[in-house]
């Protein structure tokens, strides 16, 4: 990863902001003395300062003073107030990285009066360093800025750069909302284990390891999931019988429809005048 230079300010010290801060420090990409967090909740400021040794501020304008990178990690509902605080107070060369769902680059540029913008779409597993983030930028962002943005975003897990902003709506449907779909499937499998006689703790342990092991097997083998499924599906066997039930129930089609619907909803939210966009 690229070593970050200068001061990095986080506007918002919630779960996602903390996840990035902790990873940047743990990976020695940035020392706590060069991280500042603007956070309105006193208890949260005290926690971040005591846990990570970062500087904390109550005001957004003060926090971004001299910052070379500014990470917007607040809820879209408070975006208007944040933009008003930051407008005219950013350094000309500052790189602004937004991790806010549904907030378009044009909105940020207009509200900040600033052109060096990165918009990203992380997901909730970023809170444990296993996130998937898709991001894009404006023409004003330099190669060095991109390297800095990649370093910040990869602190949450994996990051993919795309050339056009509309891909972020697609990412919202697939990787942004995806954990919700995965958790629903996990819940169903755990309930199935309880239904056939395992304790809930036993069933949860079995399901989590089955899914984690299946993902790792696919990563290491490089095989298509259909190939791996065929390998575990014996003629007239248990997996074949169970898979037939899933196909008859159109589980595959339902998942595709769910992702497509989430994607379309993301497009609708992005075009709304309201600031209630979320995954």
Protein backbone atom coordinates (compact mmCIF):
# COMPACT_ATOMS: atom_id res chain seq x y z
CA UNK A 1 0.00 0.00 0.00
CA UNK A 2 0.99 3.62 -0.58
CA UNK A 3 2.27 5.48 2.48
CA UNK A 4 -0.02 8.45 3.07
CA UNK A 5 1.50 11.89 3.41
CA UNK A 6 0.34 14.91 5.39
CA UNK A 7 -2.77 15.18 7.54
CA UNK A 8 -5.91 13.11 7.00
CA UNK A 9 -9.18 14.35 8.47
CA UNK A 10 -12.31 12.26 8.99
CA UNK A 11 -15.62 14.09 9.05
CA UNK A 12 -17.57 11.66 11.20
CA UNK A 13 -16.20 9.14 13.67
CA UNK A 14 -18.83 6.40 13.40
CA UNK A 15 -18.34 2.72 12.69
CA UNK A 16 -17.10 3.09 9.11
CA UNK A 17 -14.81 5.99 9.91
CA UNK A 18 -13.37 4.08 12.85
CA UNK A 19 -12.83 1.01 10.67
CA UNK A 20 -10.67 3.00 8.26
CA UNK A 21 -8.79 4.78 11.04
CA UNK A 22 -7.98 1.54 12.83
CA UNK A 23 -6.78 -0.15 9.66
CA UNK A 24 -4.64 2.79 8.56
CA UNK A 25 -2.90 2.82 11.91
CA UNK A 26 -2.60 -0.97 12.17
CA UNK A 27 -1.05 -1.17 8.70
CA UNK A 28 1.31 1.71 9.53
CA UNK A 29 0.03 3.75 6.61
CA UNK A 30 -0.58 6.75 8.83
CA UNK A 31 0.45 7.62 12.36
CA UNK A 32 -2.23 8.69 14.87
CA UNK A 33 -0.62 12.12 15.14
CA UNK A 34 -1.52 12.82 11.50
CA UNK A 35 -5.19 11.82 11.86
CA UNK A 36 -7.90 14.24 12.92
CA UNK A 37 -11.56 13.35 13.48
CA UNK A 38 -14.46 15.79 13.60
CA UNK A 39 -17.16 14.21 15.74
CA UNK A 40 -20.09 15.97 17.47
CA UNK A 41 -20.73 13.33 20.17
CA UNK A 42 -18.46 13.92 23.22
CA UNK A 43 -18.36 10.26 24.30
CA UNK A 44 -17.38 9.22 20.80
CA UNK A 45 -14.59 11.82 20.65
CA UNK A 46 -13.21 10.59 23.96
CA UNK A 47 -13.32 6.99 22.79
CA UNK A 48 -11.49 7.67 19.52
CA UNK A 49 -8.83 9.74 21.23
CA UNK A 50 -8.27 7.20 24.02
CA UNK A 51 -8.35 4.14 21.74
CA UNK A 52 -6.36 5.35 18.74
CA UNK A 53 -4.51 8.45 19.95
CA UNK A 54 -5.96 10.58 17.15
CA UNK A 55 -6.74 14.28 17.41
CA UNK A 56 -10.43 15.07 17.80
CA UNK A 57 -12.35 18.24 17.03
CA UNK A 58 -15.92 19.44 17.48
CA UNK A 59 -15.94 21.67 14.40
CA UNK A 60 -15.60 20.55 10.80
CA UNK A 61 -13.87 23.72 9.60
CA UNK A 62 -11.17 23.47 12.26
CA UNK A 63 -10.67 19.78 11.60
CA UNK A 64 -9.90 20.18 7.88
CA UNK A 65 -7.40 22.99 8.40
CA UNK A 66 -4.19 21.88 6.65
CA UNK A 67 -5.58 18.46 5.71
CA UNK A 68 -4.32 16.87 2.48
CA UNK A 69 -7.02 14.16 2.56
CA UNK A 70 -10.57 14.63 3.87
CA UNK A 71 -12.82 11.58 4.31
CA UNK A 72 -16.56 12.27 4.44
CA UNK A 73 -17.92 9.53 6.69
CA UNK A 74 -21.26 10.95 7.81
CA UNK A 75 -24.87 10.02 7.11
CA UNK A 76 -26.32 11.61 3.96
CA UNK A 77 -29.00 13.21 6.14
CA UNK A 78 -26.46 15.71 7.56
CA UNK A 79 -24.68 16.33 4.26
CA UNK A 80 -26.07 19.85 3.83
CA UNK A 81 -24.67 21.02 7.16
CA UNK A 82 -21.29 19.41 6.48
CA UNK A 83 -20.94 20.95 3.03
CA UNK A 84 -21.78 24.37 4.43
CA UNK A 85 -19.11 23.97 7.12
CA UNK A 86 -16.42 22.83 4.69
CA UNK A 87 -17.07 25.17 1.76
CA UNK A 88 -14.20 27.63 1.51
CA UNK A 89 -12.22 25.90 4.27
CA UNK A 90 -10.57 23.10 2.26
CA UNK A 91 -7.01 23.41 1.02
CA UNK A 92 -6.93 23.86 -2.75
CA UNK A 93 -5.02 20.59 -3.22
CA UNK A 94 -7.02 18.59 -0.66
CA UNK A 95 -8.43 15.26 -1.84
CA UNK A 96 -12.00 14.65 -0.69
CA UNK A 97 -13.07 11.00 -0.36
CA UNK A 98 -16.76 10.31 0.19
CA UNK A 99 -18.01 6.99 1.55
CA UNK A 100 -21.62 8.24 1.72
CA UNK A 101 -24.23 6.10 -0.02
CA UNK A 102 -26.15 7.71 -2.84
CA UNK A 103 -24.44 11.11 -2.79
CA UNK A 104 -23.34 12.00 -6.30
CA UNK A 105 -20.07 13.69 -7.24
CA UNK A 106 -21.91 16.66 -8.74
CA UNK A 107 -23.60 17.31 -5.39
CA UNK A 108 -20.25 17.26 -3.59
CA UNK A 109 -18.54 19.50 -6.13
CA UNK A 110 -21.34 22.03 -6.05
CA UNK A 111 -21.69 22.03 -2.27
CA UNK A 112 -17.97 22.20 -1.53
CA UNK A 113 -16.90 24.43 -4.39
CA UNK A 114 -14.11 21.89 -4.85
CA UNK A 115 -13.19 19.57 -7.75
CA UNK A 116 -10.82 16.92 -6.35
CA UNK A 117 -13.44 14.36 -5.38
CA UNK A 118 -13.44 10.59 -4.96
CA UNK A 119 -16.80 8.88 -4.53
CA UNK A 120 -16.82 5.35 -3.14
CA UNK A 121 -19.30 2.63 -2.24
CA UNK A 122 -18.02 0.43 0.60
CA UNK A 123 -20.07 -2.25 2.36
CA UNK A 124 -20.54 -3.19 6.00
CA UNK A 125 -17.87 -5.95 6.17
CA UNK A 126 -15.44 -3.04 5.88
CA UNK A 127 -15.94 -2.72 9.64
CA UNK A 128 -13.83 -5.87 10.08
CA UNK A 129 -11.36 -5.19 7.27
CA UNK A 130 -13.15 -7.50 4.82
CA UNK A 131 -15.05 -4.93 2.83
CA UNK A 132 -15.60 -4.53 -0.90
CA UNK A 133 -15.39 -0.94 -2.14
CA UNK A 134 -16.02 0.36 -5.65
CA UNK A 135 -14.86 3.90 -6.39
CA UNK A 136 -14.39 6.55 -9.03
CA UNK A 137 -13.05 10.10 -9.24
CA UNK A 138 -13.14 13.41 -11.07
CA UNK A 139 -10.75 14.61 -13.77
CA UNK A 140 -9.04 16.87 -11.23
CA UNK A 141 -7.76 13.88 -9.22
CA UNK A 142 -4.11 13.17 -9.98
CA UNK A 143 -2.29 9.84 -10.14
CA UNK A 144 -0.82 10.53 -6.70
CA UNK A 145 -4.29 11.30 -5.37
CA UNK A 146 -5.58 8.03 -6.79
CA UNK A 147 -2.82 6.12 -5.04
CA UNK A 148 -3.75 7.83 -1.77
CA UNK A 149 -7.44 7.06 -2.28
CA UNK A 150 -6.68 3.42 -3.06
CA UNK A 151 -4.63 3.16 0.13
CA UNK A 152 -7.43 4.61 2.25
CA UNK A 153 -10.11 2.42 0.69
CA UNK A 154 -8.03 -0.77 0.74
CA UNK A 155 -7.66 -0.27 4.47
CA UNK A 156 -11.26 -1.56 4.59
CA UNK A 157 -10.60 -4.63 2.41
CA UNK A 158 -10.59 -4.85 -1.38
CA UNK A 159 -11.19 -1.88 -3.68
CA UNK A 160 -12.02 -1.66 -7.38
CA UNK A 161 -11.63 1.53 -9.44
CA UNK A 162 -14.21 2.22 -12.15
CA UNK A 163 -14.11 4.91 -14.80
CA UNK A 164 -17.75 6.02 -14.64
CA UNK A 165 -19.96 6.98 -11.72
CA UNK A 166 -22.98 4.90 -12.76
CA UNK A 167 -21.06 1.76 -11.79
CA UNK A 168 -21.43 2.84 -8.15
CA UNK A 169 -25.20 2.34 -8.38
CA UNK A 170 -24.50 -1.17 -9.67
CA UNK A 171 -22.07 -1.74 -6.79
CA UNK A 172 -24.75 -0.59 -4.34
CA UNK A 173 -27.04 -3.34 -5.62
CA UNK A 174 -24.41 -6.08 -5.63
CA UNK A 175 -21.77 -5.52 -2.95
CA UNK A 176 -23.49 -2.75 -0.97
CA UNK A 177 -26.79 -4.55 -0.42
CA UNK A 178 -25.20 -7.99 -0.93
CA UNK A 179 -24.33 -8.57 2.75
CA UNK A 180 -28.03 -8.21 3.60
CA UNK A 181 -28.89 -10.93 1.10
CA UNK A 182 -26.06 -13.14 2.43
CA UNK A 183 -27.22 -12.67 6.03
CA UNK A 184 -30.74 -13.69 5.00
CA UNK A 185 -29.38 -16.90 3.43
CA UNK A 186 -27.24 -17.57 6.52
CA UNK A 187 -30.27 -17.09 8.74
CA UNK A 188 -32.28 -19.53 6.64
CA UNK A 189 -29.54 -22.19 6.70
CA UNK A 190 -29.15 -21.84 10.48
CA UNK A 191 -32.91 -22.19 10.92
CA UNK A 192 -32.79 -25.27 8.69
CA UNK A 193 -30.18 -26.83 10.94
CA UNK A 194 -32.35 -26.16 14.00
CA UNK A 195 -35.35 -27.58 12.15
CA UNK A 196 -33.65 -30.93 11.56
CA UNK A 197 -32.40 -31.21 15.14
CA UNK A 198 -29.17 -29.32 15.84
CA UNK A 199 -28.93 -26.73 18.60
CA UNK A 200 -28.85 -23.13 17.35
CA UNK A 201 -25.20 -22.73 18.42
CA UNK A 202 -24.19 -25.93 16.65
CA UNK A 203 -26.10 -24.97 13.51
CA UNK A 204 -24.60 -21.48 13.41
CA UNK A 205 -21.06 -22.83 13.77
CA UNK A 206 -21.66 -25.36 11.00
CA UNK A 207 -23.20 -22.82 8.62
CA UNK A 208 -20.56 -20.15 9.14
CA UNK A 209 -17.71 -22.57 8.56
CA UNK A 210 -19.46 -24.19 5.59
CA UNK A 211 -19.86 -20.80 3.88
CA UNK A 212 -16.39 -19.54 4.82
CA UNK A 213 -14.82 -22.80 3.65
CA UNK A 214 -16.74 -22.74 0.38
CA UNK A 215 -15.59 -19.17 -0.34
CA UNK A 216 -11.98 -20.04 0.42
CA UNK A 217 -12.13 -23.17 -1.74
CA UNK A 218 -13.35 -21.11 -4.67
CA UNK A 219 -10.64 -18.48 -4.10
CA UNK A 220 -7.85 -21.01 -3.94
CA UNK A 221 -9.07 -23.28 -6.74
CA UNK A 222 -9.97 -20.48 -9.16
CA UNK A 223 -12.82 -22.64 -10.42
CA UNK A 224 -16.26 -21.42 -11.46
CA UNK A 225 -18.89 -22.04 -8.76
CA UNK A 226 -20.81 -24.30 -11.16
CA UNK A 227 -17.74 -26.55 -11.46
CA UNK A 228 -17.38 -26.75 -7.70
CA UNK A 229 -21.10 -27.42 -7.27
CA UNK A 230 -20.91 -30.26 -9.79
CA UNK A 231 -18.03 -31.82 -7.86
CA UNK A 232 -20.12 -32.08 -4.70
CA UNK A 233 -23.28 -33.20 -6.52
CA UNK A 234 -23.37 -36.99 -6.88
CA UNK A 235 -25.92 -38.65 -9.19
CA UNK A 236 -29.20 -39.15 -7.31
CA UNK A 237 -27.46 -37.94 -4.15
CA UNK A 238 -28.45 -35.61 -1.33
CA UNK A 239 -27.04 -32.44 -2.89
CA UNK A 240 -28.80 -33.16 -6.18
CA UNK A 241 -32.10 -33.58 -4.36
CA UNK A 242 -31.67 -30.38 -2.37
CA UNK A 243 -30.51 -28.34 -5.37
CA UNK A 244 -33.59 -29.40 -7.32
CA UNK A 245 -35.76 -27.90 -4.57
CA UNK A 246 -33.85 -24.61 -4.77
CA UNK A 247 -34.12 -24.46 -8.56
CA UNK A 248 -37.85 -25.21 -8.44
CA UNK A 249 -38.22 -22.36 -5.95
CA UNK A 250 -36.36 -20.04 -8.38
CA UNK A 251 -33.79 -19.10 -5.73
CA UNK A 252 -31.24 -18.25 -8.44
CA UNK A 253 -33.70 -15.95 -10.24
CA UNK A 254 -34.81 -14.38 -6.96
CA UNK A 255 -31.23 -13.42 -6.09
CA UNK A 256 -30.67 -11.90 -9.53
CA UNK A 257 -33.94 -9.97 -9.20
CA UNK A 258 -32.97 -8.79 -5.71
CA UNK A 259 -29.65 -7.35 -6.91
CA UNK A 260 -31.30 -5.75 -9.94
CA UNK A 261 -34.06 -4.21 -7.78
CA UNK A 262 -31.51 -2.84 -5.30
CA UNK A 263 -29.55 -1.36 -8.22
CA UNK A 264 -32.66 0.33 -9.64
CA UNK A 265 -33.56 1.65 -6.18
CA UNK A 266 -30.07 3.10 -5.83
CA UNK A 267 -30.58 4.97 -9.10
CA UNK A 268 -33.89 6.34 -7.81
CA UNK A 269 -32.36 7.48 -4.52
CA UNK A 270 -29.45 9.13 -6.31
CA UNK A 271 -31.86 11.21 -8.39
CA UNK A 272 -34.11 12.17 -5.45
CA UNK A 273 -33.88 15.61 -3.91
CA UNK A 274 -34.08 14.05 -0.45
CA UNK A 275 -30.99 13.08 1.53
CA UNK A 276 -32.25 9.72 2.83
CA UNK A 277 -30.12 7.57 0.53
CA UNK A 278 -28.80 4.43 2.18
CA UNK A 279 -28.16 0.77 1.41
